[in-house]
Structures are given as C-alpha cells and as structure tokens.
PDB file of N, CA and C in Angstrom:
ATOM      1  N   UNK A   1       0.848  -1.177   0.000  1.00  0.00           N
ATOM      2  CA  UNK A   1       0.000   0.000   0.000  1.00  0.00           C
ATOM      3  C   UNK A   1       0.896   1.244   0.000  1.00  0.00           C
ATOM      4  N   UNK A   2       0.596   2.196  -0.850  1.00  0.00           N
ATOM      5  CA  UNK A   2       1.371   3.431  -0.964  1.00  0.00           C
ATOM      6  C   UNK A   2       1.131   4.304   0.267  1.00  0.00           C
ATOM      7  N   UNK A   3       2.134   5.101   0.668  1.00  0.00           N
ATOM      8  CA  UNK A   3       2.008   5.879   1.904  1.00  0.00           C
ATOM      9  C   UNK A   3       0.895   6.913   1.838  1.00  0.00           C
ATOM     10  N   UNK A   4       0.581   7.406   0.643  1.00  0.00           N
ATOM     11  CA  UNK A   4      -0.501   8.385   0.526  1.00  0.00           C
ATOM     12  C   UNK A   4      -1.882   7.722   0.544  1.00  0.00           C
ATOM     13  N   UNK A   5      -1.940   6.407   0.429  1.00  0.00           N
ATOM     14  CA  UNK A   5      -3.201   5.692   0.551  1.00  0.00           C
ATOM     15  C   UNK A   5      -3.496   5.313   1.996  1.00  0.00           C
ATOM     16  N   UNK A   6      -2.483   5.303   2.837  1.00  0.00           N
ATOM     17  CA  UNK A   6      -2.657   4.906   4.234  1.00  0.00           C
ATOM     18  C   UNK A   6      -3.451   5.973   4.993  1.00  0.00           C
ATOM     19  N   UNK A   7      -3.049   7.224   4.877  1.00  0.00           N
ATOM     20  CA  UNK A   7      -3.714   8.318   5.594  1.00  0.00           C
ATOM     21  C   UNK A   7      -4.770   8.924   4.685  1.00  0.00           C
ATOM     22  N   UNK A   8      -6.025   8.918   5.150  1.00  0.00           N
ATOM     23  CA  UNK A   8      -7.109   9.475   4.346  1.00  0.00           C
ATOM     24  C   UNK A   8      -7.311  10.956   4.620  1.00  0.00           C
ATOM     25  N   UNK A   9      -7.419  11.324   5.905  1.00  0.00           N
ATOM     26  CA  UNK A   9      -7.641  12.727   6.251  1.00  0.00           C
ATOM     27  C   UNK A   9      -7.340  12.947   7.725  1.00  0.00           C
ATOM     28  N   UNK A  10      -6.998  14.169   8.115  1.00  0.00           N
ATOM     29  CA  UNK A  10      -6.857  14.463   9.541  1.00  0.00           C
ATOM     30  C   UNK A  10      -8.242  14.658  10.165  1.00  0.00           C
ATOM     31  N   UNK A  11      -8.361  14.329  11.422  1.00  0.00           N
ATOM     32  CA  UNK A  11      -9.619  14.516  12.142  1.00  0.00           C
ATOM     33  C   UNK A  11      -9.451  15.723  13.042  1.00  0.00           C
ATOM     34  N   UNK A  12     -10.306  16.715  12.853  1.00  0.00           N
ATOM     35  CA  UNK A  12     -10.217  17.964  13.609  1.00  0.00           C
ATOM     36  C   UNK A  12     -11.504  18.155  14.401  1.00  0.00           C
ATOM     37  N   UNK A  13     -11.444  17.807  15.685  1.00  0.00           N
ATOM     38  CA  UNK A  13     -12.567  18.012  16.591  1.00  0.00           C
ATOM     39  C   UNK A  13     -12.065  18.778  17.807  1.00  0.00           C
ATOM     40  N   UNK A  14     -12.961  19.091  18.696  1.00  0.00           N
ATOM     41  CA  UNK A  14     -12.565  19.823  19.892  1.00  0.00           C
ATOM     42  C   UNK A  14     -11.603  18.983  20.742  1.00  0.00           C
ATOM     43  N   UNK A  15     -11.866  17.701  20.845  1.00  0.00           N
ATOM     44  CA  UNK A  15     -11.000  16.824  21.635  1.00  0.00           C
ATOM     45  C   UNK A  15      -9.614  16.694  21.011  1.00  0.00           C
ATOM     46  N   UNK A  16      -9.547  16.566  19.691  1.00  0.00           N
ATOM     47  CA  UNK A  16      -8.239  16.409  19.043  1.00  0.00           C
ATOM     48  C   UNK A  16      -7.418  17.692  19.122  1.00  0.00           C
ATOM     49  N   UNK A  17      -8.076  18.830  19.214  1.00  0.00           N
ATOM     50  CA  UNK A  17      -7.320  20.084  19.375  1.00  0.00           C
ATOM     51  C   UNK A  17      -6.620  20.132  20.724  1.00  0.00           C
ATOM     52  N   UNK A  18      -7.267  19.599  21.763  1.00  0.00           N
ATOM     53  CA  UNK A  18      -6.609  19.543  23.073  1.00  0.00           C
ATOM     54  C   UNK A  18      -5.462  18.533  23.066  1.00  0.00           C
ATOM     55  N   UNK A  19      -5.588  17.481  22.288  1.00  0.00           N
ATOM     56  CA  UNK A  19      -4.530  16.477  22.236  1.00  0.00           C
ATOM     57  C   UNK A  19      -3.299  16.977  21.494  1.00  0.00           C
ATOM     58  N   UNK A  20      -3.459  17.941  20.590  1.00  0.00           N
ATOM     59  CA  UNK A  20      -2.298  18.455  19.864  1.00  0.00           C
ATOM     60  C   UNK A  20      -1.326  19.168  20.797  1.00  0.00           C
ATOM     61  N   UNK A  21      -1.816  19.664  21.926  1.00  0.00           N
ATOM     62  CA  UNK A  21      -0.919  20.298  22.894  1.00  0.00           C
ATOM     63  C   UNK A  21       0.031  19.280  23.514  1.00  0.00           C
ATOM     64  N   UNK A  22      -0.387  18.018  23.568  1.00  0.00           N
ATOM     65  CA  UNK A  22       0.460  16.946  24.099  1.00  0.00           C
ATOM     66  C   UNK A  22       1.257  16.250  23.010  1.00  0.00           C
ATOM     67  N   UNK A  23       1.162  16.723  21.777  1.00  0.00           N
ATOM     68  CA  UNK A  23       1.891  16.114  20.669  1.00  0.00           C
ATOM     69  C   UNK A  23       1.189  14.922  20.060  1.00  0.00           C
ATOM     70  N   UNK A  24      -0.145  14.826  20.234  1.00  0.00           N
ATOM     71  CA  UNK A  24      -0.917  13.721  19.667  1.00  0.00           C
ATOM     72  C   UNK A  24      -1.792  14.253  18.543  1.00  0.00           C
ATOM     73  N   UNK A  25      -1.746  13.580  17.399  1.00  0.00           N
ATOM     74  CA  UNK A  25      -2.515  13.975  16.224  1.00  0.00           C
ATOM     75  C   UNK A  25      -3.354  12.794  15.769  1.00  0.00           C
ATOM     76  N   UNK A  26      -4.567  13.073  15.294  1.00  0.00           N
ATOM     77  CA  UNK A  26      -5.519  12.025  14.934  1.00  0.00           C
ATOM     78  C   UNK A  26      -5.791  12.058  13.441  1.00  0.00           C
ATOM     79  N   UNK A  27      -5.782  10.872  12.826  1.00  0.00           N
ATOM     80  CA  UNK A  27      -6.025  10.730  11.396  1.00  0.00           C
ATOM     81  C   UNK A  27      -7.015   9.608  11.148  1.00  0.00           C
ATOM     82  N   UNK A  28      -7.807   9.754  10.085  1.00  0.00           N
ATOM     83  CA  UNK A  28      -8.573   8.622   9.582  1.00  0.00           C
ATOM     84  C   UNK A  28      -7.649   7.875   8.631  1.00  0.00           C
ATOM     85  N   UNK A  29      -7.526   6.566   8.826  1.00  0.00           N
ATOM     86  CA  UNK A  29      -6.612   5.768   8.024  1.00  0.00           C
ATOM     87  C   UNK A  29      -7.375   4.659   7.308  1.00  0.00           C
ATOM     88  N   UNK A  30      -6.709   4.047   6.342  1.00  0.00           N
ATOM     89  CA  UNK A  30      -7.298   2.940   5.600  1.00  0.00           C
ATOM     90  C   UNK A  30      -7.543   1.766   6.538  1.00  0.00           C
ATOM     91  N   UNK A  31      -8.624   1.034   6.304  1.00  0.00           N
ATOM     92  CA  UNK A  31      -8.981  -0.081   7.191  1.00  0.00           C
ATOM     93  C   UNK A  31      -7.971  -1.216   7.140  1.00  0.00           C
ATOM     94  N   UNK A  32      -7.188  -1.327   6.061  1.00  0.00           N
ATOM     95  CA  UNK A  32      -6.200  -2.396   5.942  1.00  0.00           C
ATOM     96  C   UNK A  32      -4.854  -2.019   6.542  1.00  0.00           C
ATOM     97  N   UNK A  33      -4.673  -0.762   6.955  1.00  0.00           N
ATOM     98  CA  UNK A  33      -3.375  -0.287   7.449  1.00  0.00           C
ATOM     99  C   UNK A  33      -3.109  -0.772   8.872  1.00  0.00           C
ATOM    100  N   UNK A  34      -1.834  -1.021   9.170  1.00  0.00           N
ATOM    101  CA  UNK A  34      -1.445  -1.384  10.526  1.00  0.00           C
ATOM    102  C   UNK A  34      -0.573  -0.274  11.118  1.00  0.00           C
ATOM    103  N   UNK A  35      -0.119  -0.470  12.356  1.00  0.00           N
ATOM    104  CA  UNK A  35       0.627   0.572  13.058  1.00  0.00           C
ATOM    105  C   UNK A  35       1.942   0.921  12.354  1.00  0.00           C
ATOM    106  N   UNK A  36       2.623  -0.074  11.833  1.00  0.00           N
ATOM    107  CA  UNK A  36       3.905   0.178  11.171  1.00  0.00           C
ATOM    108  C   UNK A  36       3.716   1.016   9.908  1.00  0.00           C
ATOM    109  N   UNK A  37       2.674   0.724   9.143  1.00  0.00           N
ATOM    110  CA  UNK A  37       2.410   1.489   7.921  1.00  0.00           C
ATOM    111  C   UNK A  37       2.010   2.922   8.250  1.00  0.00           C
ATOM    112  N   UNK A  38       1.215   3.121   9.300  1.00  0.00           N
ATOM    113  CA  UNK A  38       0.805   4.475   9.698  1.00  0.00           C
ATOM    114  C   UNK A  38       2.022   5.271  10.158  1.00  0.00           C
ATOM    115  N   UNK A  39       2.873   4.650  10.954  1.00  0.00           N
ATOM    116  CA  UNK A  39       4.081   5.341  11.434  1.00  0.00           C
ATOM    117  C   UNK A  39       4.972   5.758  10.272  1.00  0.00           C
ATOM    118  N   UNK A  40       5.196   4.852   9.344  1.00  0.00           N
ATOM    119  CA  UNK A  40       6.037   5.151   8.183  1.00  0.00           C
ATOM    120  C   UNK A  40       5.432   6.269   7.334  1.00  0.00           C
ATOM    121  N   UNK A  41       4.120   6.238   7.129  1.00  0.00           N
ATOM    122  CA  UNK A  41       3.463   7.249   6.301  1.00  0.00           C
ATOM    123  C   UNK A  41       3.546   8.635   6.937  1.00  0.00           C
ATOM    124  N   UNK A  42       3.282   8.737   8.235  1.00  0.00           N
ATOM    125  CA  UNK A  42       3.331  10.040   8.911  1.00  0.00           C
ATOM    126  C   UNK A  42       4.754  10.579   8.917  1.00  0.00           C
ATOM    127  N   UNK A  43       5.736   9.724   9.165  1.00  0.00           N
ATOM    128  CA  UNK A  43       7.123  10.189   9.181  1.00  0.00           C
ATOM    129  C   UNK A  43       7.586  10.682   7.816  1.00  0.00           C
ATOM    130  N   UNK A  44       7.187  10.005   6.751  1.00  0.00           N
ATOM    131  CA  UNK A  44       7.626  10.423   5.419  1.00  0.00           C
ATOM    132  C   UNK A  44       6.857  11.625   4.893  1.00  0.00           C
ATOM    133  N   UNK A  45       5.545  11.676   5.123  1.00  0.00           N
ATOM    134  CA  UNK A  45       4.737  12.771   4.579  1.00  0.00           C
ATOM    135  C   UNK A  45       5.010  14.081   5.305  1.00  0.00           C
ATOM    136  N   UNK A  46       5.063  14.052   6.644  1.00  0.00           N
ATOM    137  CA  UNK A  46       5.175  15.281   7.420  1.00  0.00           C
ATOM    138  C   UNK A  46       6.582  15.547   7.941  1.00  0.00           C
ATOM    139  N   UNK A  47       7.533  14.642   7.701  1.00  0.00           N
ATOM    140  CA  UNK A  47       8.927  14.798   8.112  1.00  0.00           C
ATOM    141  C   UNK A  47       9.042  15.052   9.621  1.00  0.00           C
ATOM    142  N   UNK A  48       8.460  14.150  10.404  1.00  0.00           N
ATOM    143  CA  UNK A  48       8.504  14.216  11.864  1.00  0.00           C
ATOM    144  C   UNK A  48       8.921  12.850  12.400  1.00  0.00           C
ATOM    145  N   UNK A  49       9.227  12.798  13.702  1.00  0.00           N
ATOM    146  CA  UNK A  49       9.572  11.533  14.353  1.00  0.00           C
ATOM    147  C   UNK A  49       8.383  11.065  15.182  1.00  0.00           C
ATOM    148  N   UNK A  50       7.919   9.859  14.928  1.00  0.00           N
ATOM    149  CA  UNK A  50       6.758   9.295  15.613  1.00  0.00           C
ATOM    150  C   UNK A  50       7.230   8.360  16.709  1.00  0.00           C
ATOM    151  N   UNK A  51       6.673   8.539  17.933  1.00  0.00           N
ATOM    152  CA  UNK A  51       7.015   7.651  19.043  1.00  0.00           C
ATOM    153  C   UNK A  51       6.034   6.486  19.163  1.00  0.00           C
ATOM    154  N   UNK A  52       4.732   6.797  19.172  1.00  0.00           N
ATOM    155  CA  UNK A  52       3.708   5.776  19.366  1.00  0.00           C
ATOM    156  C   UNK A  52       2.594   5.945  18.352  1.00  0.00           C
ATOM    157  N   UNK A  53       1.916   4.840  18.044  1.00  0.00           N
ATOM    158  CA  UNK A  53       0.717   4.868  17.206  1.00  0.00           C
ATOM    159  C   UNK A  53      -0.338   3.996  17.879  1.00  0.00           C
ATOM    160  N   UNK A  54      -1.490   4.565  18.144  1.00  0.00           N
ATOM    161  CA  UNK A  54      -2.627   3.821  18.674  1.00  0.00           C
ATOM    162  C   UNK A  54      -3.703   3.780  17.600  1.00  0.00           C
ATOM    163  N   UNK A  55      -4.237   2.594  17.328  1.00  0.00           N
ATOM    164  CA  UNK A  55      -5.251   2.434  16.285  1.00  0.00           C
ATOM    165  C   UNK A  55      -6.557   1.991  16.912  1.00  0.00           C
ATOM    166  N   UNK A  56      -7.645   2.609  16.471  1.00  0.00           N
ATOM    167  CA  UNK A  56      -8.974   2.306  16.983  1.00  0.00           C
ATOM    168  C   UNK A  56      -9.883   1.995  15.810  1.00  0.00           C
ATOM    169  N   UNK A  57     -10.566   0.854  15.862  1.00  0.00           N
ATOM    170  CA  UNK A  57     -11.585   0.509  14.873  1.00  0.00           C
ATOM    171  C   UNK A  57     -12.913   1.077  15.344  1.00  0.00           C
ATOM    172  N   UNK A  58     -13.452   2.006  14.575  1.00  0.00           N
ATOM    173  CA  UNK A  58     -14.708   2.648  14.935  1.00  0.00           C
ATOM    174  C   UNK A  58     -15.867   1.823  14.377  1.00  0.00           C
ATOM    175  N   UNK A  59     -16.846   1.485  15.204  1.00  0.00           N
ATOM    176  CA  UNK A  59     -17.924   0.607  14.743  1.00  0.00           C
ATOM    177  C   UNK A  59     -18.904   1.320  13.823  1.00  0.00           C
ATOM    178  N   UNK A  60     -19.676   0.526  13.103  1.00  0.00           N
ATOM    179  CA  UNK A  60     -20.728   1.069  12.246  1.00  0.00           C
ATOM    180  C   UNK A  60     -21.851   1.602  13.127  1.00  0.00           C
ATOM    181  N   UNK A  61     -22.502   2.637  12.660  1.00  0.00           N
ATOM    182  CA  UNK A  61     -23.604   3.223  13.415  1.00  0.00           C
ATOM    183  C   UNK A  61     -24.806   3.383  12.502  1.00  0.00           C
ATOM    184  N   UNK A  62     -25.962   3.290  13.107  1.00  0.00           N
ATOM    185  CA  UNK A  62     -27.186   3.499  12.344  1.00  0.00           C
ATOM    186  C   UNK A  62     -27.600   4.960  12.442  1.00  0.00           C
ATOM    187  N   UNK A  63     -28.017   5.513  11.324  1.00  0.00           N
ATOM    188  CA  UNK A  63     -28.536   6.866  11.282  1.00  0.00           C
ATOM    189  C   UNK A  63     -29.977   6.821  10.831  1.00  0.00           C
ATOM    190  N   UNK A  64     -30.695   7.889  11.060  1.00  0.00           N
ATOM    191  CA  UNK A  64     -32.104   7.908  10.702  1.00  0.00           C
ATOM    192  C   UNK A  64     -32.448   9.259  10.102  1.00  0.00           C
ATOM    193  N   UNK A  65     -33.179   9.216   9.007  1.00  0.00           N
ATOM    194  CA  UNK A  65     -33.691  10.419   8.362  1.00  0.00           C
ATOM    195  C   UNK A  65     -35.209  10.313   8.375  1.00  0.00           C
ATOM    196  N   UNK A  66     -35.863  11.151   9.108  1.00  0.00           N
ATOM    197  CA  UNK A  66     -37.315  11.070   9.197  1.00  0.00           C
ATOM    198  C   UNK A  66     -37.734   9.928  10.109  1.00  0.00           C
ATOM    199  N   UNK A  67     -38.896   9.341   9.824  1.00  0.00           N
ATOM    200  CA  UNK A  67     -39.416   8.294  10.695  1.00  0.00           C
ATOM    201  C   UNK A  67     -39.020   6.898  10.262  1.00  0.00           C
ATOM    202  N   UNK A  68     -38.880   6.675   8.972  1.00  0.00           N
ATOM    203  CA  UNK A  68     -38.708   5.307   8.502  1.00  0.00           C
ATOM    204  C   UNK A  68     -37.403   5.036   7.761  1.00  0.00           C
ATOM    205  N   UNK A  69     -36.740   6.047   7.293  1.00  0.00           N
ATOM    206  CA  UNK A  69     -35.541   5.834   6.481  1.00  0.00           C
ATOM    207  C   UNK A  69     -34.344   5.630   7.415  1.00  0.00           C
ATOM    208  N   UNK A  70     -33.818   4.411   7.415  1.00  0.00           N
ATOM    209  CA  UNK A  70     -32.692   4.062   8.277  1.00  0.00           C
ATOM    210  C   UNK A  70     -31.477   3.799   7.387  1.00  0.00           C
ATOM    211  N   UNK A  71     -30.360   4.421   7.725  1.00  0.00           N
ATOM    212  CA  UNK A  71     -29.120   4.224   6.975  1.00  0.00           C
ATOM    213  C   UNK A  71     -28.072   3.630   7.908  1.00  0.00           C
ATOM    214  N   UNK A  72     -27.006   3.148   7.321  1.00  0.00           N
ATOM    215  CA  UNK A  72     -25.912   2.566   8.103  1.00  0.00           C
ATOM    216  C   UNK A  72     -24.621   3.251   7.715  1.00  0.00           C
ATOM    217  N   UNK A  73     -23.944   3.858   8.690  1.00  0.00           N
ATOM    218  CA  UNK A  73     -22.663   4.488   8.441  1.00  0.00           C
ATOM    219  C   UNK A  73     -21.589   3.404   8.511  1.00  0.00           C
ATOM    220  N   UNK A  74     -20.596   3.436   7.636  1.00  0.00           N
ATOM    221  CA  UNK A  74     -19.637   2.321   7.546  1.00  0.00           C
ATOM    222  C   UNK A  74     -18.655   2.278   8.713  1.00  0.00           C
ATOM    223  N   UNK A  75     -17.999   1.126   8.841  1.00  0.00           N
ATOM    224  CA  UNK A  75     -16.911   0.947   9.793  1.00  0.00           C
ATOM    225  C   UNK A  75     -15.697   1.722   9.269  1.00  0.00           C
ATOM    226  N   UNK A  76     -14.957   2.370  10.166  1.00  0.00           N
ATOM    227  CA  UNK A  76     -13.753   3.069   9.751  1.00  0.00           C
ATOM    228  C   UNK A  76     -12.699   2.952  10.847  1.00  0.00           C
ATOM    229  N   UNK A  77     -11.480   3.326  10.519  1.00  0.00           N
ATOM    230  CA  UNK A  77     -10.360   3.171  11.432  1.00  0.00           C
ATOM    231  C   UNK A  77      -9.688   4.518  11.635  1.00  0.00           C
ATOM    232  N   UNK A  78      -9.342   4.816  12.896  1.00  0.00           N
ATOM    233  CA  UNK A  78      -8.594   6.045  13.148  1.00  0.00           C
ATOM    234  C   UNK A  78      -7.325   5.717  13.912  1.00  0.00           C
ATOM    235  N   UNK A  79      -6.341   6.584  13.749  1.00  0.00           N
ATOM    236  CA  UNK A  79      -5.043   6.401  14.391  1.00  0.00           C
ATOM    237  C   UNK A  79      -4.678   7.669  15.148  1.00  0.00           C
ATOM    238  N   UNK A  80      -4.225   7.487  16.389  1.00  0.00           N
ATOM    239  CA  UNK A  80      -3.718   8.590  17.192  1.00  0.00           C
ATOM    240  C   UNK A  80      -2.202   8.445  17.226  1.00  0.00           C
ATOM    241  N   UNK A  81      -1.520   9.435  16.684  1.00  0.00           N
ATOM    242  CA  UNK A  81      -0.069   9.398  16.511  1.00  0.00           C
ATOM    243  C   UNK A  81       0.564  10.338  17.526  1.00  0.00           C
ATOM    244  N   UNK A  82       1.498   9.820  18.328  1.00  0.00           N
ATOM    245  CA  UNK A  82       2.229  10.627  19.301  1.00  0.00           C
ATOM    246  C   UNK A  82       3.601  10.948  18.730  1.00  0.00           C
ATOM    247  N   UNK A  83       3.918  12.238  18.687  1.00  0.00           N
ATOM    248  CA  UNK A  83       5.195  12.688  18.134  1.00  0.00           C
ATOM    249  C   UNK A  83       6.222  12.885  19.232  1.00  0.00           C
ATOM    250  N   UNK A  84       7.480  12.943  18.840  1.00  0.00           N
ATOM    251  CA  UNK A  84       8.579  13.202  19.769  1.00  0.00           C
ATOM    252  C   UNK A  84       8.458  14.624  20.308  1.00  0.00           C
ATOM    253  N   UNK A  85       8.982  14.876  21.504  1.00  0.00           N
ATOM    254  CA  UNK A  85       8.916  16.240  22.058  1.00  0.00           C
ATOM    255  C   UNK A  85       9.571  17.254  21.120  1.00  0.00           C
ATOM    256  N   UNK A  86       8.909  18.373  20.922  1.00  0.00           N
ATOM    257  CA  UNK A  86       9.425  19.422  20.044  1.00  0.00           C
ATOM    258  C   UNK A  86       8.965  19.306  18.602  1.00  0.00           C
ATOM    259  N   UNK A  87       8.371  18.185  18.224  1.00  0.00           N
ATOM    260  CA  UNK A  87       7.872  17.985  16.857  1.00  0.00           C
ATOM    261  C   UNK A  87       6.420  18.443  16.782  1.00  0.00           C
ATOM    262  N   UNK A  88       6.012  18.904  15.595  1.00  0.00           N
ATOM    263  CA  UNK A  88       4.622  19.274  15.377  1.00  0.00           C
ATOM    264  C   UNK A  88       4.298  19.184  13.891  1.00  0.00           C
ATOM    265  N   UNK A  89       3.014  19.065  13.605  1.00  0.00           N
ATOM    266  CA  UNK A  89       2.528  19.009  12.221  1.00  0.00           C
ATOM    267  C   UNK A  89       1.796  20.317  11.953  1.00  0.00           C
ATOM    268  N   UNK A  90       2.205  21.010  10.906  1.00  0.00           N
ATOM    269  CA  UNK A  90       1.710  22.361  10.656  1.00  0.00           C
ATOM    270  C   UNK A  90       0.282  22.409  10.129  1.00  0.00           C
ATOM    271  N   UNK A  91      -0.246  21.322   9.561  1.00  0.00           N
ATOM    272  CA  UNK A  91      -1.595  21.401   8.995  1.00  0.00           C
ATOM    273  C   UNK A  91      -2.644  21.567  10.088  1.00  0.00           C
ATOM    274  N   UNK A  92      -2.308  21.227  11.337  1.00  0.00           N
ATOM    275  CA  UNK A  92      -3.254  21.369  12.432  1.00  0.00           C
ATOM    276  C   UNK A  92      -3.176  22.736  13.099  1.00  0.00           C
ATOM    277  N   UNK A  93      -2.134  23.478  12.843  1.00  0.00           N
ATOM    278  CA  UNK A  93      -1.937  24.766  13.492  1.00  0.00           C
ATOM    279  C   UNK A  93      -2.810  25.834  12.826  1.00  0.00           C
ATOM    280  N   UNK A  94      -3.493  26.624  13.638  1.00  0.00           N
ATOM    281  CA  UNK A  94      -4.289  27.729  13.134  1.00  0.00           C
ATOM    282  C   UNK A  94      -5.570  27.320  12.459  1.00  0.00           C
ATOM    283  N   UNK A  95      -6.081  26.138  12.766  1.00  0.00           N
ATOM    284  CA  UNK A  95      -7.334  25.679  12.144  1.00  0.00           C
ATOM    285  C   UNK A  95      -8.485  26.191  12.953  1.00  0.00           C
TER     286      UNK A  95
END
C-alpha cells in the first residue's frame, strides 16, 4: 500500500485540538493499514519523528432520516499518533 493511501484525512474536533498540545494527532486511516504502515506514512509525509501509534476501529452506526428511512454508516479506522517532544505538524496549526 502506498504511503498516501494509508492516511485518508486528519480529524479535527474539539478533543483532538486539546490532544495536539500533548503532541498527539488524529487521522482517519485505511482499514487495511497497521501501526507500522501508519508510522512510516506520517514520518515520510510530514517529516517528523513518531514515538507511538494507537489504532482504533470505529464501529458502524445506524442513522435515521425522518421516521422510517434508516441508513448505516460504515466501519472506519482512526489512528492517534504521538510525536517526539518538540515535533509538530503544521496542517493542524491555526485551524
């Protein structure tokens, strides 16, 4: 898998903004990716040193539109990447 296929998008929520102060960044990643592939992709794309990678499989959820229309949101995977002290990723700054 190519390194640009591993990381799909950064996740920017209120909780992830507080985690950036501790050097933790959150990304949505491909469901087939493992910790080693995520670490390699983040290090090469953003030119930083990664210490830890935590991966979480997010379950599917049901959504509802109106009274009877029920949809299913797909399963997805997210990764929380901890960087070395002094390192940062600029795409999260000033968002």
